[in-house]
Amino acid sequence: MLNSRMRLRLWLVAALLGANAAFAEEPTSKVVGHIDRLDPALDRLVAPEARMQVIGTGYSWSEGPVWVRSGGFLLFSDIPNNAIIRWDAKHGARTYLKPAGYTGDDPRGGELGSNGLAIDPQGRLVLCQHGDRRIARLDSPLEEPMAKYSTLVDRFEGKRLNSPNDLVFDSHGMLYFTDPPYGLSRELPSGQPELEFNGVYRLDPKGKLTLLTKELERPNGIALSPDEKTLYVSNSHQPRLRIMAYPLEKDGTLGTGRVFFDAQNLAGKQPGSCDGLTVDHAGNLFATMPGGVGVFAPDGKQLGLLATGDRTAN
């Protein structure tokens, strides 16, 4: 998560900048975009001298960044290449895991790789695997990874999930995730959707899966407020390009959602959509949107925009 401890420097994993260039093994100092400061309160989160720097290029489509505090490195998914990339300040970027999202032997099209990544309460890597259509856990040490996975969930009421996209854990080990169809390949029978909706789910530590809502066309990014009383979910599909905020009831269900940010009037005017998002320890929301990464106060006021100049996925 981005938070105020990162105010001295913002690192941007650029998905499309230089996407056709050679793979970059070392960080580059290229600065991209600019920061639109819409409210003075942004200075407490993003220092006035902060710049966005490219730390790696050559990826087909990068998603799902997670900072591994225990090791001091960043992991992110390169979905079409079925790989996870590791970056740290000393060594730069290099392949960390492959395969990362599709472990089958039969060739298939569509989006193969992992998408959202998270570290569970026990310090293990958990992945949204598009190709395998499941949430999986990496069964090897983070510092010595091997592509050996255990399935946490891959079905709802006996039907295969679509392609889990993003995920977040709460302090009790509850896992919340979204399941749009972006990773499906319709070229093979195994890539056909079995569910008639795109859901938002909760998986408890004992393996019980609960559908929280199926009202969104394309649920995508997901995050929790610091007090774990609000669940944020982005909807990346028109005509309702927006970020929703749902109250979490005591029984774990969702209350009536409200529109936290409506981006529909920006659709087509700037590149990008409502995709990945995260919340810092003070409840500020950092969310991808048309134009880059929006920064919002907990009450929904937009404080600024990290204007990347390109589609920003996560």
C-alpha atoms as a PDB file:
ATOM      1  CA  MET A   1       0.000   0.000   0.000  1.00  0.00           C
ATOM      2  CA  LEU A   2       0.900   3.518  -0.783  1.00  0.00           C
ATOM      3  CA  ASN A   3       1.021   5.470   2.489  1.00  0.00           C
ATOM      4  CA  SER A   4       2.529   8.605   3.966  1.00  0.00           C
ATOM      5  CA  ARG A   5       5.823   6.835   4.687  1.00  0.00           C
ATOM      6  CA  MET A   6       6.357   6.789   0.938  1.00  0.00           C
ATOM      7  CA  ARG A   7       6.009  10.543   0.528  1.00  0.00           C
ATOM      8  CA  LEU A   8       9.674  11.132  -0.394  1.00  0.00           C
ATOM      9  CA  ARG A   9       9.405   9.135  -3.556  1.00  0.00           C
ATOM     10  CA  LEU A  10       6.678   7.507  -5.610  1.00  0.00           C
ATOM     11  CA  TRP A  11       7.596   4.522  -7.708  1.00  0.00           C
ATOM     12  CA  LEU A  12       5.524   3.790 -10.761  1.00  0.00           C
ATOM     13  CA  VAL A  13       5.507   0.373 -12.390  1.00  0.00           C
ATOM     14  CA  ALA A  14       4.735   1.469 -15.951  1.00  0.00           C
ATOM     15  CA  ALA A  15       2.634  -1.094 -17.783  1.00  0.00           C
ATOM     16  CA  LEU A  16       2.614   0.388 -21.255  1.00  0.00           C
ATOM     17  CA  LEU A  17       5.470   2.870 -21.307  1.00  0.00           C
ATOM     18  CA  GLY A  18       8.095   1.114 -23.407  1.00  0.00           C
ATOM     19  CA  ALA A  19       5.991  -2.023 -23.591  1.00  0.00           C
ATOM     20  CA  ASN A  20       7.592  -3.031 -26.884  1.00  0.00           C
ATOM     21  CA  ALA A  21      11.117  -2.273 -25.750  1.00  0.00           C
ATOM     22  CA  ALA A  22      13.693  -4.807 -24.610  1.00  0.00           C
ATOM     23  CA  PHE A  23      13.305  -6.147 -21.087  1.00  0.00           C
ATOM     24  CA  ALA A  24      14.914  -3.754 -18.633  1.00  0.00           C
ATOM     25  CA  GLU A  25      17.108  -5.537 -16.073  1.00  0.00           C
ATOM     26  CA  GLU A  26      18.141  -2.310 -14.344  1.00  0.00           C
ATOM     27  CA  PRO A  27      16.017   0.584 -13.047  1.00  0.00           C
ATOM     28  CA  THR A  28      15.858   3.640 -15.243  1.00  0.00           C
ATOM     29  CA  SER A  29      15.684   7.215 -14.039  1.00  0.00           C
ATOM     30  CA  LYS A  30      13.118   8.232 -16.651  1.00  0.00           C
ATOM     31  CA  VAL A  31      10.511  10.515 -15.122  1.00  0.00           C
ATOM     32  CA  VAL A  32       6.978  10.294 -16.473  1.00  0.00           C
ATOM     33  CA  GLY A  33       3.795  12.307 -16.232  1.00  0.00           C
ATOM     34  CA  HIS A  34       3.056  14.978 -13.687  1.00  0.00           C
ATOM     35  CA  ILE A  35       1.158  15.433 -10.432  1.00  0.00           C
ATOM     36  CA  ASP A  36      -2.010  17.543 -10.385  1.00  0.00           C
ATOM     37  CA  ARG A  37      -2.451  19.005  -6.916  1.00  0.00           C
ATOM     38  CA  LEU A  38      -6.128  19.731  -6.403  1.00  0.00           C
ATOM     39  CA  ASP A  39      -5.954  20.295  -2.644  1.00  0.00           C
ATOM     40  CA  PRO A  40      -3.124  21.335  -0.274  1.00  0.00           C
ATOM     41  CA  ALA A  41      -3.811  18.204   1.769  1.00  0.00           C
ATOM     42  CA  LEU A  42      -2.099  16.178  -0.973  1.00  0.00           C
ATOM     43  CA  ASP A  43       1.276  17.528   0.193  1.00  0.00           C
ATOM     44  CA  ARG A  44       0.985  15.416   3.363  1.00  0.00           C
ATOM     45  CA  LEU A  45       0.707  12.276   1.240  1.00  0.00           C
ATOM     46  CA  VAL A  46       2.792  13.078  -1.829  1.00  0.00           C
ATOM     47  CA  ALA A  47       5.696  15.420  -1.162  1.00  0.00           C
ATOM     48  CA  PRO A  48       5.912  18.521  -3.394  1.00  0.00           C
ATOM     49  CA  GLU A  49       9.230  17.320  -4.842  1.00  0.00           C
ATOM     50  CA  ALA A  50       7.960  13.809  -5.607  1.00  0.00           C
ATOM     51  CA  ARG A  51       8.290  12.525  -9.158  1.00  0.00           C
ATOM     52  CA  MET A  52       7.068   9.359 -10.846  1.00  0.00           C
ATOM     53  CA  GLN A  53       9.906   7.227 -12.165  1.00  0.00           C
ATOM     54  CA  VAL A  54       9.887   4.198 -14.448  1.00  0.00           C
ATOM     55  CA  ILE A  55      11.487   1.244 -12.682  1.00  0.00           C
ATOM     56  CA  GLY A  56      11.044  -1.342 -15.435  1.00  0.00           C
ATOM     57  CA  THR A  57       9.893  -1.664 -19.034  1.00  0.00           C
ATOM     58  CA  GLY A  58       9.229  -4.358 -21.599  1.00  0.00           C
ATOM     59  CA  TYR A  59       6.119  -5.895 -20.036  1.00  0.00           C
ATOM     60  CA  SER A  60       2.992  -6.744 -22.005  1.00  0.00           C
ATOM     61  CA  TRP A  61       0.550  -5.686 -19.285  1.00  0.00           C
ATOM     62  CA  SER A  62       1.564  -5.261 -15.648  1.00  0.00           C
ATOM     63  CA  GLU A  63      -0.865  -5.579 -12.736  1.00  0.00           C
ATOM     64  CA  GLY A  64      -1.245  -6.478  -9.093  1.00  0.00           C
ATOM     65  CA  PRO A  65       1.735  -4.822  -7.345  1.00  0.00           C
ATOM     66  CA  VAL A  66       2.432  -5.871  -3.764  1.00  0.00           C
ATOM     67  CA  TRP A  67       5.277  -4.693  -1.532  1.00  0.00           C
ATOM     68  CA  VAL A  68       6.899  -7.510   0.456  1.00  0.00           C
ATOM     69  CA  ARG A  69       7.948  -5.788   3.645  1.00  0.00           C
ATOM     70  CA  SER A  70       9.789  -8.805   5.045  1.00  0.00           C
ATOM     71  CA  GLY A  71      12.151  -8.857   2.058  1.00  0.00           C
ATOM     72  CA  GLY A  72      12.117  -5.235   0.943  1.00  0.00           C
ATOM     73  CA  PHE A  73      11.051  -5.917  -2.629  1.00  0.00           C
ATOM     74  CA  LEU A  74       8.151  -5.362  -5.004  1.00  0.00           C
ATOM     75  CA  LEU A  75       6.263  -8.080  -6.875  1.00  0.00           C
ATOM     76  CA  PHE A  76       3.914  -7.507  -9.793  1.00  0.00           C
ATOM     77  CA  SER A  77       2.232  -9.577 -12.492  1.00  0.00           C
ATOM     78  CA  ASP A  78       2.974  -9.499 -16.224  1.00  0.00           C
ATOM     79  CA  ILE A  79      -0.282 -11.165 -17.238  1.00  0.00           C
ATOM     80  CA  PRO A  80       0.156 -12.088 -20.931  1.00  0.00           C
ATOM     81  CA  ASN A  81       3.643 -13.471 -20.243  1.00  0.00           C
ATOM     82  CA  ASN A  82       2.340 -15.644 -17.381  1.00  0.00           C
ATOM     83  CA  ALA A  83       5.029 -14.277 -15.068  1.00  0.00           C
ATOM     84  CA  ILE A  84       5.577 -12.397 -11.831  1.00  0.00           C
ATOM     85  CA  ILE A  85       8.382  -9.839 -11.788  1.00  0.00           C
ATOM     86  CA  ARG A  86      10.455  -8.908  -8.745  1.00  0.00           C
ATOM     87  CA  TRP A  87      11.994  -5.459  -8.303  1.00  0.00           C
ATOM     88  CA  ASP A  88      14.326  -4.116  -5.630  1.00  0.00           C
ATOM     89  CA  ALA A  89      16.559  -1.081  -5.479  1.00  0.00           C
ATOM     90  CA  LYS A  90      19.792  -3.090  -5.668  1.00  0.00           C
ATOM     91  CA  HIS A  91      19.078  -5.518  -8.498  1.00  0.00           C
ATOM     92  CA  GLY A  92      16.302  -3.848 -10.475  1.00  0.00           C
ATOM     93  CA  ALA A  93      13.663  -5.989 -12.192  1.00  0.00           C
ATOM     94  CA  ARG A  94      13.888  -9.684 -12.985  1.00  0.00           C
ATOM     95  CA  THR A  95      11.595 -12.676 -13.410  1.00  0.00           C
ATOM     96  CA  TYR A  96      10.441 -14.069 -10.067  1.00  0.00           C
ATOM     97  CA  LEU A  97       7.910 -16.780 -10.986  1.00  0.00           C
ATOM     98  CA  LYS A  98       6.838 -18.456 -14.212  1.00  0.00           C
ATOM     99  CA  PRO A  99       4.241 -19.876 -14.695  1.00  0.00           C
ATOM    100  CA  ALA A 100       2.318 -17.531 -12.439  1.00  0.00           C
ATOM    101  CA  GLY A 101      -1.308 -17.843 -13.504  1.00  0.00           C
ATOM    102  CA  TYR A 102      -1.745 -20.781 -15.869  1.00  0.00           C
ATOM    103  CA  THR A 103      -0.150 -24.081 -14.913  1.00  0.00           C
ATOM    104  CA  GLY A 104      -1.904 -26.339 -17.437  1.00  0.00           C
ATOM    105  CA  ASP A 105      -0.255 -28.191 -20.309  1.00  0.00           C
ATOM    106  CA  ASP A 106      -2.806 -27.466 -23.049  1.00  0.00           C
ATOM    107  CA  PRO A 107      -2.188 -24.256 -24.995  1.00  0.00           C
ATOM    108  CA  ARG A 108      -4.875 -21.650 -24.485  1.00  0.00           C
ATOM    109  CA  GLY A 109      -5.462 -18.042 -25.407  1.00  0.00           C
ATOM    110  CA  GLY A 110      -6.725 -15.218 -23.273  1.00  0.00           C
ATOM    111  CA  GLU A 111      -5.005 -13.702 -20.289  1.00  0.00           C
ATOM    112  CA  LEU A 112      -2.838 -16.466 -18.839  1.00  0.00           C
ATOM    113  CA  GLY A 113      -1.041 -14.988 -15.901  1.00  0.00           C
ATOM    114  CA  SER A 114      -1.669 -13.919 -12.347  1.00  0.00           C
ATOM    115  CA  ASN A 115      -3.335 -10.599 -11.658  1.00  0.00           C
ATOM    116  CA  GLY A 116      -3.815  -9.328  -8.105  1.00  0.00           C
ATOM    117  CA  LEU A 117      -1.260 -10.383  -5.485  1.00  0.00           C
ATOM    118  CA  ALA A 118      -1.380 -10.207  -1.704  1.00  0.00           C
ATOM    119  CA  ILE A 119       0.548 -11.365   1.340  1.00  0.00           C
ATOM    120  CA  ASP A 120      -1.592 -13.383   3.746  1.00  0.00           C
ATOM    121  CA  PRO A 121      -1.423 -13.062   7.562  1.00  0.00           C
ATOM    122  CA  GLN A 122       1.180 -15.858   7.644  1.00  0.00           C
ATOM    123  CA  GLY A 123       3.450 -14.018   5.199  1.00  0.00           C
ATOM    124  CA  ARG A 124       2.690 -16.202   2.166  1.00  0.00           C
ATOM    125  CA  LEU A 125       2.034 -15.000  -1.367  1.00  0.00           C
ATOM    126  CA  VAL A 126      -1.583 -15.395  -2.542  1.00  0.00           C
ATOM    127  CA  LEU A 127      -2.422 -14.937  -6.216  1.00  0.00           C
ATOM    128  CA  CYS A 128      -5.437 -14.307  -8.416  1.00  0.00           C
ATOM    129  CA  GLN A 129      -4.684 -16.739 -11.230  1.00  0.00           C
ATOM    130  CA  HIS A 130      -6.475 -15.843 -14.455  1.00  0.00           C
ATOM    131  CA  GLY A 131      -5.416 -18.910 -16.420  1.00  0.00           C
ATOM    132  CA  ASP A 132      -6.260 -21.453 -13.715  1.00  0.00           C
ATOM    133  CA  ARG A 133      -9.408 -19.506 -12.729  1.00  0.00           C
ATOM    134  CA  ARG A 134      -8.691 -19.661  -9.023  1.00  0.00           C
ATOM    135  CA  ILE A 135      -7.217 -18.049  -5.936  1.00  0.00           C
ATOM    136  CA  ALA A 136      -4.000 -19.901  -5.102  1.00  0.00           C
ATOM    137  CA  ARG A 137      -1.256 -19.789  -2.475  1.00  0.00           C
ATOM    138  CA  LEU A 138       2.440 -20.111  -3.230  1.00  0.00           C
ATOM    139  CA  ASP A 139       3.799 -23.117  -1.354  1.00  0.00           C
ATOM    140  CA  SER A 140       7.451 -22.131  -1.204  1.00  0.00           C
ATOM    141  CA  PRO A 141       9.509 -19.495   0.619  1.00  0.00           C
ATOM    142  CA  LEU A 142       9.223 -15.972  -0.785  1.00  0.00           C
ATOM    143  CA  GLU A 143      12.988 -15.688  -1.087  1.00  0.00           C
ATOM    144  CA  GLU A 144      13.302 -19.020  -2.949  1.00  0.00           C
ATOM    145  CA  PRO A 145      10.094 -19.264  -4.949  1.00  0.00           C
ATOM    146  CA  MET A 146       9.070 -22.307  -6.957  1.00  0.00           C
ATOM    147  CA  ALA A 147       5.904 -22.445  -9.051  1.00  0.00           C
ATOM    148  CA  LYS A 148       4.103 -24.813  -6.674  1.00  0.00           C
ATOM    149  CA  TYR A 149       0.617 -23.699  -5.688  1.00  0.00           C
ATOM    150  CA  SER A 150      -2.301 -24.786  -3.525  1.00  0.00           C
ATOM    151  CA  THR A 151      -5.871 -23.917  -4.497  1.00  0.00           C
ATOM    152  CA  LEU A 152      -7.727 -21.823  -1.938  1.00  0.00           C
ATOM    153  CA  VAL A 153     -10.911 -21.496  -3.995  1.00  0.00           C
ATOM    154  CA  ASP A 154     -11.873 -22.135  -7.612  1.00  0.00           C
ATOM    155  CA  ARG A 155     -15.637 -22.734  -7.532  1.00  0.00           C
ATOM    156  CA  PHE A 156     -18.832 -21.170  -6.273  1.00  0.00           C
ATOM    157  CA  GLU A 157     -21.721 -23.575  -5.700  1.00  0.00           C
ATOM    158  CA  GLY A 158     -19.976 -26.133  -7.896  1.00  0.00           C
ATOM    159  CA  LYS A 159     -19.398 -23.793 -10.836  1.00  0.00           C
ATOM    160  CA  ARG A 160     -15.956 -22.580 -11.860  1.00  0.00           C
ATOM    161  CA  LEU A 161     -15.053 -18.998 -11.080  1.00  0.00           C
ATOM    162  CA  ASN A 162     -14.557 -16.641 -14.021  1.00  0.00           C
ATOM    163  CA  SER A 163     -11.049 -15.257 -13.498  1.00  0.00           C
ATOM    164  CA  PRO A 164     -10.296 -13.824 -10.026  1.00  0.00           C
ATOM    165  CA  ASN A 165      -8.854 -10.345 -10.454  1.00  0.00           C
ATOM    166  CA  ASP A 166      -7.966  -8.601  -7.198  1.00  0.00           C
ATOM    167  CA  LEU A 167      -7.958  -9.421  -3.491  1.00  0.00           C
ATOM    168  CA  VAL A 168      -7.470  -8.074   0.022  1.00  0.00           C
ATOM    169  CA  PHE A 169      -7.170  -9.680   3.474  1.00  0.00           C
ATOM    170  CA  ASP A 170      -8.649  -8.275   6.662  1.00  0.00           C
ATOM    171  CA  SER A 171      -7.029  -8.555  10.087  1.00  0.00           C
ATOM    172  CA  HIS A 172      -8.930 -11.795  10.830  1.00  0.00           C
ATOM    173  CA  GLY A 173      -7.709 -13.581   7.720  1.00  0.00           C
ATOM    174  CA  MET A 174     -10.922 -13.060   5.741  1.00  0.00           C
ATOM    175  CA  LEU A 175     -10.158 -12.819   2.027  1.00  0.00           C
ATOM    176  CA  TYR A 176     -12.242 -10.521  -0.175  1.00  0.00           C
ATOM    177  CA  PHE A 177     -11.880 -10.788  -3.957  1.00  0.00           C
ATOM    178  CA  THR A 178     -13.438  -9.826  -7.289  1.00  0.00           C
ATOM    179  CA  ASP A 179     -14.207 -12.177 -10.170  1.00  0.00           C
ATOM    180  CA  PRO A 180     -14.746 -10.472 -13.558  1.00  0.00           C
ATOM    181  CA  PRO A 181     -14.334 -12.363 -16.867  1.00  0.00           C
ATOM    182  CA  TYR A 182     -11.200 -10.626 -18.163  1.00  0.00           C
ATOM    183  CA  GLY A 183      -9.010 -13.714 -18.011  1.00  0.00           C
ATOM    184  CA  LEU A 184     -11.409 -16.057 -19.790  1.00  0.00           C
ATOM    185  CA  SER A 185     -10.437 -17.558 -23.118  1.00  0.00           C
ATOM    186  CA  ARG A 186     -13.454 -18.346 -25.258  1.00  0.00           C
ATOM    187  CA  GLU A 187     -11.323 -20.300 -27.726  1.00  0.00           C
ATOM    188  CA  LEU A 188     -11.696 -23.533 -25.729  1.00  0.00           C
ATOM    189  CA  PRO A 189     -14.656 -25.111 -23.922  1.00  0.00           C
ATOM    190  CA  SER A 190     -12.694 -24.826 -20.666  1.00  0.00           C
ATOM    191  CA  GLY A 191     -12.705 -21.067 -21.081  1.00  0.00           C
ATOM    192  CA  GLN A 192     -16.468 -20.621 -21.172  1.00  0.00           C
ATOM    193  CA  PRO A 193     -18.091 -18.900 -18.182  1.00  0.00           C
ATOM    194  CA  GLU A 194     -20.077 -21.200 -15.913  1.00  0.00           C
ATOM    195  CA  LEU A 195     -21.458 -18.392 -13.755  1.00  0.00           C
ATOM    196  CA  GLU A 196     -24.034 -15.955 -15.111  1.00  0.00           C
ATOM    197  CA  PHE A 197     -22.656 -13.000 -13.156  1.00  0.00           C
ATOM    198  CA  ASN A 198     -19.406 -11.358 -12.071  1.00  0.00           C
ATOM    199  CA  GLY A 199     -19.224 -11.449  -8.310  1.00  0.00           C
ATOM    200  CA  VAL A 200     -17.502 -10.024  -5.264  1.00  0.00           C
ATOM    201  CA  TYR A 201     -16.774 -12.718  -2.673  1.00  0.00           C
ATOM    202  CA  ARG A 202     -15.510 -13.366   0.857  1.00  0.00           C
ATOM    203  CA  LEU A 203     -13.509 -16.492   1.703  1.00  0.00           C
ATOM    204  CA  ASP A 204     -13.174 -17.247   5.412  1.00  0.00           C
ATOM    205  CA  PRO A 205     -10.107 -18.985   6.913  1.00  0.00           C
ATOM    206  CA  LYS A 206     -12.012 -22.282   7.048  1.00  0.00           C
ATOM    207  CA  GLY A 207     -12.684 -22.213   3.302  1.00  0.00           C
ATOM    208  CA  LYS A 208     -16.326 -21.050   3.317  1.00  0.00           C
ATOM    209  CA  LEU A 209     -17.075 -18.914   0.253  1.00  0.00           C
ATOM    210  CA  THR A 210     -19.806 -16.257   0.368  1.00  0.00           C
ATOM    211  CA  LEU A 211     -21.100 -14.193  -2.541  1.00  0.00           C
ATOM    212  CA  LEU A 212     -21.316 -10.587  -1.328  1.00  0.00           C
ATOM    213  CA  THR A 213     -22.722  -8.904  -4.434  1.00  0.00           C
ATOM    214  CA  LYS A 214     -23.300  -9.578  -8.124  1.00  0.00           C
ATOM    215  CA  GLU A 215     -24.616  -6.118  -8.995  1.00  0.00           C
ATOM    216  CA  LEU A 216     -21.470  -4.825 -10.707  1.00  0.00           C
ATOM    217  CA  GLU A 217     -20.833  -5.425 -14.395  1.00  0.00           C
ATOM    218  CA  ARG A 218     -17.054  -5.748 -14.002  1.00  0.00           C
ATOM    219  CA  PRO A 219     -15.896  -5.694 -10.356  1.00  0.00           C
ATOM    220  CA  ASN A 220     -12.174  -5.050 -10.364  1.00  0.00           C
ATOM    221  CA  GLY A 221     -10.001  -3.403  -7.693  1.00  0.00           C
ATOM    222  CA  ILE A 222     -10.860  -4.034  -4.042  1.00  0.00           C
ATOM    223  CA  ALA A 223      -9.698  -2.600  -0.704  1.00  0.00           C
ATOM    224  CA  LEU A 224     -10.745  -2.186   2.929  1.00  0.00           C
ATOM    225  CA  SER A 225     -10.868   0.922   5.095  1.00  0.00           C
ATOM    226  CA  PRO A 226      -8.454   0.874   8.071  1.00  0.00           C
ATOM    227  CA  ASP A 227     -11.302   0.161  10.525  1.00  0.00           C
ATOM    228  CA  GLU A 228     -12.521  -2.620   8.193  1.00  0.00           C
ATOM    229  CA  LYS A 229     -16.026  -1.202   8.182  1.00  0.00           C
ATOM    230  CA  THR A 230     -16.032  -0.221   4.493  1.00  0.00           C
ATOM    231  CA  LEU A 231     -15.266  -2.309   1.416  1.00  0.00           C
ATOM    232  CA  TYR A 232     -14.250  -0.389  -1.710  1.00  0.00           C
ATOM    233  CA  VAL A 233     -14.772  -1.987  -5.131  1.00  0.00           C
ATOM    234  CA  SER A 234     -14.107  -0.432  -8.524  1.00  0.00           C
ATOM    235  CA  ASN A 235     -16.357  -1.172 -11.487  1.00  0.00           C
ATOM    236  CA  SER A 236     -14.318  -0.967 -14.677  1.00  0.00           C
ATOM    237  CA  HIS A 237     -17.143  -1.312 -17.185  1.00  0.00           C
ATOM    238  CA  GLN A 238     -19.250   1.359 -18.845  1.00  0.00           C
ATOM    239  CA  PRO A 239     -21.860   2.742 -18.458  1.00  0.00           C
ATOM    240  CA  ARG A 240     -21.086   2.678 -14.731  1.00  0.00           C
ATOM    241  CA  LEU A 241     -17.401   3.532 -14.491  1.00  0.00           C
ATOM    242  CA  ARG A 242     -17.082   4.153 -10.764  1.00  0.00           C
ATOM    243  CA  ILE A 243     -15.763   3.228  -7.346  1.00  0.00           C
ATOM    244  CA  MET A 244     -18.302   1.881  -4.878  1.00  0.00           C
ATOM    245  CA  ALA A 245     -18.149   1.950  -1.077  1.00  0.00           C
ATOM    246  CA  TYR A 246     -20.073  -0.727   0.819  1.00  0.00           C
ATOM    247  CA  PRO A 247     -20.625  -0.804   4.586  1.00  0.00           C
ATOM    248  CA  LEU A 248     -19.594  -4.135   6.083  1.00  0.00           C
ATOM    249  CA  GLU A 249     -22.237  -5.387   8.490  1.00  0.00           C
ATOM    250  CA  LYS A 250     -21.437  -7.299  11.687  1.00  0.00           C
ATOM    251  CA  ASP A 251     -22.530 -10.561  10.073  1.00  0.00           C
ATOM    252  CA  GLY A 252     -20.078 -10.048   7.205  1.00  0.00           C
ATOM    253  CA  THR A 253     -22.661  -9.095   4.583  1.00  0.00           C
ATOM    254  CA  LEU A 254     -22.647  -5.841   2.634  1.00  0.00           C
ATOM    255  CA  GLY A 255     -24.995  -2.991   3.300  1.00  0.00           C
ATOM    256  CA  THR A 256     -26.335  -0.693   0.613  1.00  0.00           C
ATOM    257  CA  GLY A 257     -23.464   0.609  -1.478  1.00  0.00           C
ATOM    258  CA  ARG A 258     -22.850   4.238  -2.347  1.00  0.00           C
ATOM    259  CA  VAL A 259     -20.923   5.775  -5.218  1.00  0.00           C
ATOM    260  CA  PHE A 260     -17.596   6.911  -3.789  1.00  0.00           C
ATOM    261  CA  PHE A 261     -16.319   8.299  -7.110  1.00  0.00           C
ATOM    262  CA  ASP A 262     -18.086   8.471 -10.469  1.00  0.00           C
ATOM    263  CA  ALA A 263     -15.661   8.495 -13.414  1.00  0.00           C
ATOM    264  CA  GLN A 264     -18.191   8.086 -16.188  1.00  0.00           C
ATOM    265  CA  ASN A 265     -17.825  11.679 -17.400  1.00  0.00           C
ATOM    266  CA  LEU A 266     -14.079  11.022 -17.915  1.00  0.00           C
ATOM    267  CA  ALA A 267     -14.565   7.900 -20.022  1.00  0.00           C
ATOM    268  CA  GLY A 268     -12.950   8.306 -23.419  1.00  0.00           C
ATOM    269  CA  LYS A 269     -11.514  11.714 -22.567  1.00  0.00           C
ATOM    270  CA  GLN A 270      -8.404  10.349 -20.865  1.00  0.00           C
ATOM    271  CA  PRO A 271      -6.784   6.907 -21.117  1.00  0.00           C
ATOM    272  CA  GLY A 272      -7.623   4.331 -18.498  1.00  0.00           C
ATOM    273  CA  SER A 273     -10.468   3.069 -16.364  1.00  0.00           C
ATOM    274  CA  CYS A 274     -11.374   2.347 -12.741  1.00  0.00           C
ATOM    275  CA  ASP A 275      -9.105  -0.594 -11.996  1.00  0.00           C
ATOM    276  CA  GLY A 276      -6.800  -1.285  -9.048  1.00  0.00           C
ATOM    277  CA  LEU A 277      -6.955   0.666  -5.798  1.00  0.00           C
ATOM    278  CA  THR A 278      -5.562   0.666  -2.285  1.00  0.00           C
ATOM    279  CA  VAL A 279      -6.101   2.471   1.023  1.00  0.00           C
ATOM    280  CA  ASP A 280      -3.399   3.882   3.284  1.00  0.00           C
ATOM    281  CA  HIS A 281      -3.350   3.673   7.088  1.00  0.00           C
ATOM    282  CA  ALA A 282      -5.239   6.981   7.395  1.00  0.00           C
ATOM    283  CA  GLY A 283      -8.030   5.896   5.066  1.00  0.00           C
ATOM    284  CA  ASN A 284      -6.958   7.833   1.977  1.00  0.00           C
ATOM    285  CA  LEU A 285      -7.729   6.045  -1.270  1.00  0.00           C
ATOM    286  CA  PHE A 286      -5.247   5.701  -4.155  1.00  0.00           C
ATOM    287  CA  ALA A 287      -7.223   4.510  -7.166  1.00  0.00           C
ATOM    288  CA  THR A 288      -6.534   4.121 -10.868  1.00  0.00           C
ATOM    289  CA  MET A 289      -8.928   6.103 -13.041  1.00  0.00           C
ATOM    290  CA  PRO A 290      -8.975   7.734 -16.476  1.00  0.00           C
ATOM    291  CA  GLY A 291      -5.807   9.838 -16.518  1.00  0.00           C
ATOM    292  CA  GLY A 292      -3.749   8.006 -13.901  1.00  0.00           C
ATOM    293  CA  VAL A 293      -4.009   7.449 -10.146  1.00  0.00           C
ATOM    294  CA  GLY A 294      -6.521   9.526  -8.220  1.00  0.00           C
ATOM    295  CA  VAL A 295      -5.858  10.356  -4.582  1.00  0.00           C
ATOM    296  CA  PHE A 296      -8.977  10.718  -2.427  1.00  0.00           C
ATOM    297  CA  ALA A 297      -9.632  11.649   1.192  1.00  0.00           C
ATOM    298  CA  PRO A 298     -11.781   9.221   3.198  1.00  0.00           C
ATOM    299  CA  ASP A 299     -14.836  11.458   2.615  1.00  0.00           C
ATOM    300  CA  GLY A 300     -14.459  11.085  -1.166  1.00  0.00           C
ATOM    301  CA  LYS A 301     -12.867  14.460  -1.912  1.00  0.00           C
ATOM    302  CA  GLN A 302     -10.254  14.171  -4.654  1.00  0.00           C
ATOM    303  CA  LEU A 303      -6.957  15.616  -3.462  1.00  0.00           C
ATOM    304  CA  GLY A 304      -4.928  15.072  -6.596  1.00  0.00           C
ATOM    305  CA  LEU A 305      -4.085  13.029  -9.650  1.00  0.00           C
ATOM    306  CA  LEU A 306      -0.871  11.193 -10.431  1.00  0.00           C
ATOM    307  CA  ALA A 307      -1.222  11.862 -14.166  1.00  0.00           C
ATOM    308  CA  THR A 308       0.782   9.112 -15.828  1.00  0.00           C
ATOM    309  CA  GLY A 309      -0.134  10.017 -19.398  1.00  0.00           C
ATOM    310  CA  ASP A 310      -1.098   6.436 -20.203  1.00  0.00           C
ATOM    311  CA  ARG A 311      -3.498   3.701 -19.121  1.00  0.00           C
ATOM    312  CA  THR A 312      -2.668   2.810 -15.541  1.00  0.00           C
ATOM    313  CA  ALA A 313      -3.884  -0.581 -14.448  1.00  0.00           C
ATOM    314  CA  ASN A 314      -2.987  -1.034 -10.827  1.00  0.00           C
END
